[in-house]
Full PDB file with SEQRES, HELIX, SHEET, SSBOND, CRYST1, ORIGX, SCALE, CONECT and MASTER records, all heavy atoms in Angstrom:
SEQRES   1 A   37  SER ASP THR GLY SER PHE ARG THR ALA PRO PRO PRO ASN          
SEQRES   2 A   37  MET PRO ALA ALA ALA ARG PHE VAL PHE THR GLY ASP SER          
SEQRES   3 A   37  ASP GLY THR ARG VAL ASN GLY GLN PRO ALA TYR                  
SHEET    1 AA1 2 ARG A  30  VAL A  31  0                                        
SHEET    2 AA1 2 GLN A  34  PRO A  35 -1                                        
CRYST1    1.000    1.000    1.000  90.00  90.00  90.00 P 1           1          
ORIGX1      1.000000  0.000000  0.000000        0.00000                         
ORIGX2      0.000000  1.000000  0.000000        0.00000                         
ORIGX3      0.000000  0.000000  1.000000        0.00000                         
SCALE1      1.000000  0.000000  0.000000        0.00000                         
SCALE2      0.000000  1.000000  0.000000        0.00000                         
SCALE3      0.000000  0.000000  1.000000        0.00000                         
ATOM      1  N   SER A   1      40.170 125.225 116.563  1.00  0.00           N  
ATOM      2  CA  SER A   1      39.128 124.286 116.986  1.00  0.00           C  
ATOM      3  C   SER A   1      39.490 122.856 116.607  1.00  0.00           C  
ATOM      4  O   SER A   1      40.486 122.598 115.920  1.00  0.00           O  
ATOM      5  CB  SER A   1      37.800 124.648 116.297  1.00  0.00           C  
ATOM      6  OG  SER A   1      37.859 124.324 114.911  1.00  0.00           O  
ATOM      7  N   ASP A   2      38.653 121.920 117.040  1.00  0.00           N  
ATOM      8  CA  ASP A   2      38.731 120.572 116.517  1.00  0.00           C  
ATOM      9  C   ASP A   2      38.503 120.604 115.004  1.00  0.00           C  
ATOM     10  O   ASP A   2      37.883 121.537 114.474  1.00  0.00           O  
ATOM     11  CB  ASP A   2      37.656 119.678 117.152  1.00  0.00           C  
ATOM     12  CG  ASP A   2      37.875 119.484 118.645  1.00  0.00           C  
ATOM     13  OD1 ASP A   2      39.036 119.521 119.089  1.00  0.00           O  
ATOM     14  OD2 ASP A   2      36.862 119.302 119.363  1.00  0.00           O  
ATOM     15  N   THR A   3      38.974 119.576 114.324  1.00  0.00           N  
ATOM     16  CA  THR A   3      38.741 119.452 112.884  1.00  0.00           C  
ATOM     17  C   THR A   3      37.483 118.640 112.630  1.00  0.00           C  
ATOM     18  O   THR A   3      37.344 117.526 113.146  1.00  0.00           O  
ATOM     19  CB  THR A   3      39.934 118.785 112.190  1.00  0.00           C  
ATOM     20  OG1 THR A   3      41.099 119.608 112.333  1.00  0.00           O  
ATOM     21  CG2 THR A   3      39.653 118.559 110.708  1.00  0.00           C  
ATOM     22  N   GLY A   4      36.583 119.216 111.870  1.00  0.00           N  
ATOM     23  CA  GLY A   4      35.378 118.506 111.479  1.00  0.00           C  
ATOM     24  C   GLY A   4      35.469 118.030 110.047  1.00  0.00           C  
ATOM     25  O   GLY A   4      36.378 118.413 109.296  1.00  0.00           O  
ATOM     26  N   SER A   5      34.525 117.176 109.660  1.00  0.00           N  
ATOM     27  CA  SER A   5      34.508 116.682 108.287  1.00  0.00           C  
ATOM     28  C   SER A   5      33.074 116.525 107.803  1.00  0.00           C  
ATOM     29  O   SER A   5      32.149 116.338 108.588  1.00  0.00           O  
ATOM     30  CB  SER A   5      35.247 115.346 108.179  1.00  0.00           C  
ATOM     31  OG  SER A   5      34.688 114.367 109.035  1.00  0.00           O  
ATOM     32  N   PHE A   6      32.906 116.620 106.496  1.00  0.00           N  
ATOM     33  CA  PHE A   6      31.601 116.397 105.875  1.00  0.00           C  
ATOM     34  C   PHE A   6      31.837 115.992 104.429  1.00  0.00           C  
ATOM     35  O   PHE A   6      32.906 116.227 103.849  1.00  0.00           O  
ATOM     36  CB  PHE A   6      30.719 117.655 105.933  1.00  0.00           C  
ATOM     37  CG  PHE A   6      31.259 118.831 105.162  1.00  0.00           C  
ATOM     38  CD1 PHE A   6      30.932 119.022 103.817  1.00  0.00           C  
ATOM     39  CD2 PHE A   6      32.101 119.760 105.770  1.00  0.00           C  
ATOM     40  CE1 PHE A   6      31.426 120.103 103.100  1.00  0.00           C  
ATOM     41  CE2 PHE A   6      32.598 120.844 105.070  1.00  0.00           C  
ATOM     42  CZ  PHE A   6      32.259 121.015 103.733  1.00  0.00           C  
ATOM     43  N   ARG A   7      30.837 115.382 103.837  1.00  0.00           N  
ATOM     44  CA  ARG A   7      30.882 114.986 102.438  1.00  0.00           C  
ATOM     45  C   ARG A   7      29.798 115.745 101.689  1.00  0.00           C  
ATOM     46  O   ARG A   7      28.642 115.768 102.113  1.00  0.00           O  
ATOM     47  CB  ARG A   7      30.656 113.484 102.303  1.00  0.00           C  
ATOM     48  CG  ARG A   7      30.877 112.946 100.889  1.00  0.00           C  
ATOM     49  CD  ARG A   7      30.715 111.429 100.869  1.00  0.00           C  
ATOM     50  NE  ARG A   7      31.682 110.764 101.715  1.00  0.00           N  
ATOM     51  CZ  ARG A   7      32.934 110.478 101.357  1.00  0.00           C  
ATOM     52  NH1 ARG A   7      33.372 110.823 100.148  1.00  0.00           N  
ATOM     53  NH2 ARG A   7      33.750 109.869 102.202  1.00  0.00           N  
ATOM     54  N   THR A   8      30.175 116.394 100.594  1.00  0.00           N  
ATOM     55  CA  THR A   8      29.174 117.083  99.790  1.00  0.00           C  
ATOM     56  C   THR A   8      28.335 116.068  99.016  1.00  0.00           C  
ATOM     57  O   THR A   8      28.759 114.941  98.757  1.00  0.00           O  
ATOM     58  CB  THR A   8      29.821 118.066  98.810  1.00  0.00           C  
ATOM     59  OG1 THR A   8      30.874 117.403  98.103  1.00  0.00           O  
ATOM     60  CG2 THR A   8      30.359 119.278  99.532  1.00  0.00           C  
ATOM     61  N   ALA A   9      27.138 116.478  98.664  1.00  0.00           N  
ATOM     62  CA  ALA A   9      26.220 115.598  97.949  1.00  0.00           C  
ATOM     63  C   ALA A   9      26.712 115.371  96.521  1.00  0.00           C  
ATOM     64  O   ALA A   9      27.360 116.248  95.922  1.00  0.00           O  
ATOM     65  CB  ALA A   9      24.824 116.214  97.922  1.00  0.00           C  
ATOM     66  N   PRO A  10      26.386 114.220  95.946  1.00  0.00           N  
ATOM     67  CA  PRO A  10      26.646 114.021  94.522  1.00  0.00           C  
ATOM     68  C   PRO A  10      25.765 114.957  93.698  1.00  0.00           C  
ATOM     69  O   PRO A  10      24.740 115.444  94.182  1.00  0.00           O  
ATOM     70  CB  PRO A  10      26.257 112.552  94.291  1.00  0.00           C  
ATOM     71  CG  PRO A  10      26.189 111.928  95.659  1.00  0.00           C  
ATOM     72  CD  PRO A  10      25.808 113.034  96.590  1.00  0.00           C  
ATOM     73  N   PRO A  11      26.128 115.214  92.454  1.00  0.00           N  
ATOM     74  CA  PRO A  11      25.274 116.055  91.609  1.00  0.00           C  
ATOM     75  C   PRO A  11      23.880 115.455  91.487  1.00  0.00           C  
ATOM     76  O   PRO A  11      23.711 114.232  91.479  1.00  0.00           O  
ATOM     77  CB  PRO A  11      25.995 116.052  90.249  1.00  0.00           C  
ATOM     78  CG  PRO A  11      27.396 115.675  90.549  1.00  0.00           C  
ATOM     79  CD  PRO A  11      27.342 114.773  91.746  1.00  0.00           C  
ATOM     80  N   PRO A  12      22.852 116.290  91.375  1.00  0.00           N  
ATOM     81  CA  PRO A  12      21.482 115.778  91.341  1.00  0.00           C  
ATOM     82  C   PRO A  12      21.161 114.907  90.137  1.00  0.00           C  
ATOM     83  O   PRO A  12      20.140 114.231  90.127  1.00  0.00           O  
ATOM     84  CB  PRO A  12      20.613 117.040  91.346  1.00  0.00           C  
ATOM     85  CG  PRO A  12      21.508 118.197  91.419  1.00  0.00           C  
ATOM     86  CD  PRO A  12      22.916 117.744  91.403  1.00  0.00           C  
ATOM     87  N   ASN A  13      22.023 114.906  89.117  1.00  0.00           N  
ATOM     88  CA  ASN A  13      21.784 114.054  87.947  1.00  0.00           C  
ATOM     89  C   ASN A  13      22.636 112.792  87.947  1.00  0.00           C  
ATOM     90  O   ASN A  13      22.672 112.065  86.954  1.00  0.00           O  
ATOM     91  CB  ASN A  13      22.046 114.845  86.652  1.00  0.00           C  
ATOM     92  CG  ASN A  13      23.480 115.345  86.565  1.00  0.00           C  
ATOM     93  OD1 ASN A  13      24.233 115.268  87.533  1.00  0.00           O  
ATOM     94  ND2 ASN A  13      23.856 115.859  85.407  1.00  0.00           N  
ATOM     95  N   MET A  14      23.311 112.509  89.067  1.00  0.00           N  
ATOM     96  CA  MET A  14      24.224 111.371  89.134  1.00  0.00           C  
ATOM     97  C   MET A  14      23.672 110.289  90.060  1.00  0.00           C  
ATOM     98  O   MET A  14      23.447 110.544  91.247  1.00  0.00           O  
ATOM     99  CB  MET A  14      25.594 111.809  89.651  1.00  0.00           C  
ATOM    100  CG  MET A  14      26.578 110.647  89.853  1.00  0.00           C  
ATOM    101  SD  MET A  14      28.103 111.167  90.677  1.00  0.00           S  
ATOM    102  CE  MET A  14      28.810 112.184  89.378  1.00  0.00           C  
ATOM    103  N   PRO A  15      23.454 109.064  89.558  1.00  0.00           N  
ATOM    104  CA  PRO A  15      23.090 107.970  90.468  1.00  0.00           C  
ATOM    105  C   PRO A  15      24.233 107.728  91.450  1.00  0.00           C  
ATOM    106  O   PRO A  15      25.409 107.704  91.060  1.00  0.00           O  
ATOM    107  CB  PRO A  15      22.907 106.769  89.531  1.00  0.00           C  
ATOM    108  CG  PRO A  15      22.738 107.352  88.168  1.00  0.00           C  
ATOM    109  CD  PRO A  15      23.524 108.631  88.155  1.00  0.00           C  
ATOM    110  N   ALA A  16      23.911 107.606  92.710  1.00  0.00           N  
ATOM    111  CA  ALA A  16      24.954 107.443  93.721  1.00  0.00           C  
ATOM    112  C   ALA A  16      24.402 106.678  94.915  1.00  0.00           C  
ATOM    113  O   ALA A  16      23.256 106.893  95.332  1.00  0.00           O  
ATOM    114  CB  ALA A  16      25.484 108.809  94.168  1.00  0.00           C  
ATOM    115  N   ALA A  17      25.217 105.793  95.449  1.00  0.00           N  
ATOM    116  CA  ALA A  17      24.851 105.102  96.680  1.00  0.00           C  
ATOM    117  C   ALA A  17      24.915 106.072  97.841  1.00  0.00           C  
ATOM    118  O   ALA A  17      25.612 107.096  97.792  1.00  0.00           O  
ATOM    119  CB  ALA A  17      25.791 103.926  96.917  1.00  0.00           C  
ATOM    120  N   ALA A  18      24.172 105.768  98.897  1.00  0.00           N  
ATOM    121  CA  ALA A  18      24.192 106.606 100.090  1.00  0.00           C  
ATOM    122  C   ALA A  18      23.950 105.735 101.317  1.00  0.00           C  
ATOM    123  O   ALA A  18      23.314 104.680 101.241  1.00  0.00           O  
ATOM    124  CB  ALA A  18      23.137 107.702 100.010  1.00  0.00           C  
ATOM    125  N   ARG A  19      24.455 106.220 102.427  1.00  0.00           N  
ATOM    126  CA  ARG A  19      24.322 105.522 103.703  1.00  0.00           C  
ATOM    127  C   ARG A  19      24.149 106.612 104.759  1.00  0.00           C  
ATOM    128  O   ARG A  19      25.030 107.458 104.947  1.00  0.00           O  
ATOM    129  CB  ARG A  19      25.587 104.706 103.953  1.00  0.00           C  
ATOM    130  CG  ARG A  19      25.632 103.899 105.233  1.00  0.00           C  
ATOM    131  CD  ARG A  19      26.984 103.181 105.304  1.00  0.00           C  
ATOM    132  NE  ARG A  19      27.101 102.382 106.508  1.00  0.00           N  
ATOM    133  CZ  ARG A  19      26.710 101.108 106.604  1.00  0.00           C  
ATOM    134  NH1 ARG A  19      26.185 100.503 105.555  1.00  0.00           N  
ATOM    135  NH2 ARG A  19      26.849 100.442 107.743  1.00  0.00           N  
ATOM    136  N   PHE A  20      22.984 106.639 105.418  1.00  0.00           N  
ATOM    137  CA  PHE A  20      22.787 107.685 106.409  1.00  0.00           C  
ATOM    138  C   PHE A  20      21.993 107.160 107.595  1.00  0.00           C  
ATOM    139  O   PHE A  20      21.373 106.092 107.531  1.00  0.00           O  
ATOM    140  CB  PHE A  20      22.132 108.924 105.784  1.00  0.00           C  
ATOM    141  CG  PHE A  20      20.741 108.730 105.239  1.00  0.00           C  
ATOM    142  CD1 PHE A  20      19.616 108.968 106.017  1.00  0.00           C  
ATOM    143  CD2 PHE A  20      20.549 108.363 103.910  1.00  0.00           C  
ATOM    144  CE1 PHE A  20      18.331 108.828 105.510  1.00  0.00           C  
ATOM    145  CE2 PHE A  20      19.266 108.221 103.386  1.00  0.00           C  
ATOM    146  CZ  PHE A  20      18.153 108.451 104.180  1.00  0.00           C  
ATOM    147  N   VAL A  21      22.023 107.922 108.689  1.00  0.00           N  
ATOM    148  CA  VAL A  21      21.386 107.518 109.936  1.00  0.00           C  
ATOM    149  C   VAL A  21      20.403 108.598 110.367  1.00  0.00           C  
ATOM    150  O   VAL A  21      20.534 109.770 109.991  1.00  0.00           O  
ATOM    151  CB  VAL A  21      22.422 107.255 111.048  1.00  0.00           C  
ATOM    152  CG1 VAL A  21      23.253 106.015 110.734  1.00  0.00           C  
ATOM    153  CG2 VAL A  21      23.333 108.467 111.265  1.00  0.00           C  
ATOM    154  N   PHE A  22      19.426 108.186 111.160  1.00  0.00           N  
ATOM    155  CA  PHE A  22      18.456 109.151 111.681  1.00  0.00           C  
ATOM    156  C   PHE A  22      17.969 108.713 113.056  1.00  0.00           C  
ATOM    157  O   PHE A  22      17.834 107.528 113.343  1.00  0.00           O  
ATOM    158  CB  PHE A  22      17.269 109.320 110.723  1.00  0.00           C  
ATOM    159  CG  PHE A  22      16.353 108.123 110.608  1.00  0.00           C  
ATOM    160  CD1 PHE A  22      15.187 108.030 111.362  1.00  0.00           C  
ATOM    161  CD2 PHE A  22      16.648 107.084 109.732  1.00  0.00           C  
ATOM    162  CE1 PHE A  22      14.337 106.933 111.247  1.00  0.00           C  
ATOM    163  CE2 PHE A  22      15.801 105.994 109.605  1.00  0.00           C  
ATOM    164  CZ  PHE A  22      14.646 105.912 110.368  1.00  0.00           C  
ATOM    165  N   THR A  23      17.710 109.681 113.896  1.00  0.00           N  
ATOM    166  CA  THR A  23      17.093 109.472 115.201  1.00  0.00           C  
ATOM    167  C   THR A  23      16.838 110.845 115.822  1.00  0.00           C  
ATOM    168  O   THR A  23      17.123 111.881 115.227  1.00  0.00           O  
ATOM    169  CB  THR A  23      17.956 108.586 116.118  1.00  0.00           C  
ATOM    170  OG1 THR A  23      17.219 108.232 117.297  1.00  0.00           O  
ATOM    171  CG2 THR A  23      19.243 109.284 116.536  1.00  0.00           C  
ATOM    172  N   GLY A  24      16.289 110.850 117.030  1.00  0.00           N  
ATOM    173  CA  GLY A  24      16.022 112.102 117.739  1.00  0.00           C  
ATOM    174  C   GLY A  24      15.625 111.817 119.170  1.00  0.00           C  
ATOM    175  O   GLY A  24      15.844 110.731 119.691  1.00  0.00           O  
ATOM    176  N   ASP A  25      15.032 112.816 119.824  1.00  0.00           N  
ATOM    177  CA  ASP A  25      14.558 112.705 121.212  1.00  0.00           C  
ATOM    178  C   ASP A  25      15.736 112.545 122.176  1.00  0.00           C  
ATOM    179  O   ASP A  25      16.009 111.451 122.680  1.00  0.00           O  
ATOM    180  CB  ASP A  25      13.574 111.542 121.376  1.00  0.00           C  
ATOM    181  CG  ASP A  25      12.298 111.732 120.586  1.00  0.00           C  
ATOM    182  OD1 ASP A  25      11.933 112.882 120.337  1.00  0.00           O  
ATOM    183  OD2 ASP A  25      11.674 110.726 120.216  1.00  0.00           O  
ATOM    184  N   SER A  26      16.423 113.663 122.428  1.00  0.00           N  
ATOM    185  CA  SER A  26      17.641 113.626 123.250  1.00  0.00           C  
ATOM    186  C   SER A  26      17.501 114.545 124.454  1.00  0.00           C  
ATOM    187  O   SER A  26      17.763 115.742 124.360  1.00  0.00           O  
ATOM    188  CB  SER A  26      18.865 114.012 122.409  1.00  0.00           C  
ATOM    189  OG  SER A  26      18.629 115.186 121.658  1.00  0.00           O  
ATOM    190  N   ASP A  27      17.085 113.970 125.569  1.00  0.00           N  
ATOM    191  CA  ASP A  27      16.981 114.709 126.825  1.00  0.00           C  
ATOM    192  C   ASP A  27      18.293 114.544 127.581  1.00  0.00           C  
ATOM    193  O   ASP A  27      18.544 113.519 128.203  1.00  0.00           O  
ATOM    194  CB  ASP A  27      15.807 114.176 127.653  1.00  0.00           C  
ATOM    195  CG  ASP A  27      15.561 115.004 128.919  1.00  0.00           C  
ATOM    196  OD1 ASP A  27      16.401 115.876 129.227  1.00  0.00           O  
ATOM    197  OD2 ASP A  27      14.538 114.773 129.593  1.00  0.00           O  
ATOM    198  N   GLY A  28      19.117 115.567 127.502  1.00  0.00           N  
ATOM    199  CA  GLY A  28      20.422 115.518 128.158  1.00  0.00           C  
ATOM    200  C   GLY A  28      20.434 116.078 129.565  1.00  0.00           C  
ATOM    201  O   GLY A  28      21.511 116.313 130.132  1.00  0.00           O  
ATOM    202  N   THR A  29      19.258 116.285 130.158  1.00  0.00           N  
ATOM    203  CA  THR A  29      19.183 116.848 131.499  1.00  0.00           C  
ATOM    204  C   THR A  29      20.028 116.037 132.474  1.00  0.00           C  
ATOM    205  O   THR A  29      19.988 114.799 132.468  1.00  0.00           O  
ATOM    206  CB  THR A  29      17.721 116.867 131.982  1.00  0.00           C  
ATOM    207  OG1 THR A  29      16.935 117.620 131.055  1.00  0.00           O  
ATOM    208  CG2 THR A  29      17.613 117.485 133.374  1.00  0.00           C  
ATOM    209  N   ARG A  30      20.767 116.738 133.290  1.00  0.00           N  
ATOM    210  CA  ARG A  30      21.555 116.078 134.342  1.00  0.00           C  
ATOM    211  C   ARG A  30      20.886 116.348 135.688  1.00  0.00           C  
ATOM    212  O   ARG A  30      20.414 117.445 135.957  1.00  0.00           O  
ATOM    213  CB  ARG A  30      22.996 116.578 134.346  1.00  0.00           C  
ATOM    214  CG  ARG A  30      23.757 116.189 133.080  1.00  0.00           C  
ATOM    215  CD  ARG A  30      25.199 116.685 133.103  1.00  0.00           C  
ATOM    216  NE  ARG A  30      25.897 116.346 131.880  1.00  0.00           N  
ATOM    217  CZ  ARG A  30      26.572 115.217 131.681  1.00  0.00           C  
ATOM    218  NH1 ARG A  30      26.635 114.315 132.660  1.00  0.00           N  
ATOM    219  NH2 ARG A  30      27.187 114.977 130.533  1.00  0.00           N  
ATOM    220  N   VAL A  31      20.876 115.329 136.528  1.00  0.00           N  
ATOM    221  CA  VAL A  31      20.320 115.419 137.872  1.00  0.00           C  
ATOM    222  C   VAL A  31      21.456 115.157 138.851  1.00  0.00           C  
ATOM    223  O   VAL A  31      22.074 114.085 138.830  1.00  0.00           O  
ATOM    224  CB  VAL A  31      19.171 114.405 138.069  1.00  0.00           C  
ATOM    225  CG1 VAL A  31      18.606 114.520 139.485  1.00  0.00           C  
ATOM    226  CG2 VAL A  31      18.071 114.631 137.026  1.00  0.00           C  
ATOM    227  N   ASN A  32      21.750 116.140 139.671  1.00  0.00           N  
ATOM    228  CA  ASN A  32      22.885 116.040 140.600  1.00  0.00           C  
ATOM    229  C   ASN A  32      24.173 115.691 139.861  1.00  0.00           C  
ATOM    230  O   ASN A  32      24.996 114.891 140.320  1.00  0.00           O  
ATOM    231  CB  ASN A  32      22.611 115.001 141.689  1.00  0.00           C  
ATOM    232  CG  ASN A  32      21.436 115.379 142.561  1.00  0.00           C  
ATOM    233  OD1 ASN A  32      21.229 116.560 142.877  1.00  0.00           O  
ATOM    234  ND2 ASN A  32      20.645 114.399 142.956  1.00  0.00           N  
ATOM    235  N   GLY A  33      24.307 116.275 138.666  1.00  0.00           N  
ATOM    236  CA  GLY A  33      25.522 116.079 137.886  1.00  0.00           C  
ATOM    237  C   GLY A  33      25.557 114.816 137.061  1.00  0.00           C  
ATOM    238  O   GLY A  33      26.520 114.608 136.305  1.00  0.00           O  
ATOM    239  N   GLN A  34      24.530 113.974 137.154  1.00  0.00           N  
ATOM    240  CA  GLN A  34      24.510 112.707 136.425  1.00  0.00           C  
ATOM    241  C   GLN A  34      23.424 112.730 135.343  1.00  0.00           C  
ATOM    242  O   GLN A  34      22.360 113.328 135.540  1.00  0.00           O  
ATOM    243  CB  GLN A  34      24.250 111.542 137.387  1.00  0.00           C  
ATOM    244  CG  GLN A  34      25.312 111.379 138.458  1.00  0.00           C  
ATOM    245  CD  GLN A  34      26.687 111.123 137.863  1.00  0.00           C  
ATOM    246  OE1 GLN A  34      26.837 110.296 136.968  1.00  0.00           O  
ATOM    247  NE2 GLN A  34      27.688 111.851 138.364  1.00  0.00           N  
ATOM    248  N   PRO A  35      23.680 112.070 134.196  1.00  0.00           N  
ATOM    249  CA  PRO A  35      22.647 112.042 133.145  1.00  0.00           C  
ATOM    250  C   PRO A  35      21.356 111.433 133.654  1.00  0.00           C  
ATOM    251  O   PRO A  35      21.368 110.401 134.345  1.00  0.00           O  
ATOM    252  CB  PRO A  35      23.277 111.166 132.059  1.00  0.00           C  
ATOM    253  CG  PRO A  35      24.748 111.227 132.312  1.00  0.00           C  
ATOM    254  CD  PRO A  35      24.906 111.363 133.793  1.00  0.00           C  
ATOM    255  N   ALA A  36      20.246 112.051 133.319  1.00  0.00           N  
ATOM    256  CA  ALA A  36      18.949 111.531 133.750  1.00  0.00           C  
ATOM    257  C   ALA A  36      18.640 110.198 133.088  1.00  0.00           C  
ATOM    258  O   ALA A  36      17.887 109.386 133.653  1.00  0.00           O  
ATOM    259  CB  ALA A  36      17.848 112.543 133.423  1.00  0.00           C  
ATOM    260  N   TYR A  37      19.202 109.953 131.886  1.00  0.00           N  
ATOM    261  CA  TYR A  37      18.882 108.722 131.162  1.00  0.00           C  
ATOM    262  C   TYR A  37      20.117 107.921 130.781  1.00  0.00           C  
ATOM    263  O   TYR A  37      20.255 106.767 131.164  1.00  0.00           O  
ATOM    264  CB  TYR A  37      18.049 109.046 129.917  1.00  0.00           C  
ATOM    265  CG  TYR A  37      16.694 109.613 130.285  1.00  0.00           C  
ATOM    266  CD1 TYR A  37      16.474 110.992 130.245  1.00  0.00           C  
ATOM    267  CD2 TYR A  37      15.671 108.793 130.704  1.00  0.00           C  
ATOM    268  CE1 TYR A  37      15.237 111.516 130.605  1.00  0.00           C  
ATOM    269  CE2 TYR A  37      14.433 109.308 131.078  1.00  0.00           C  
ATOM    270  CZ  TYR A  37      14.220 110.672 131.024  1.00  0.00           C  
ATOM    271  OH  TYR A  37      13.011 111.187 131.405  1.00  0.00           O  
TER     272      TYR A  37                                                      
MASTER        0    0    0    0    2    0    0    6  271    1    0    3          
END                                                                             
């Protein structure tokens, strides 16, 4: 397969910086082969 990557969390007793993203609502429906959005 393709190679994936991930980072494990720091220990719960360790102060650590973090940077993360969030979003949702993904309608990937295609109409006549083209993305609806």
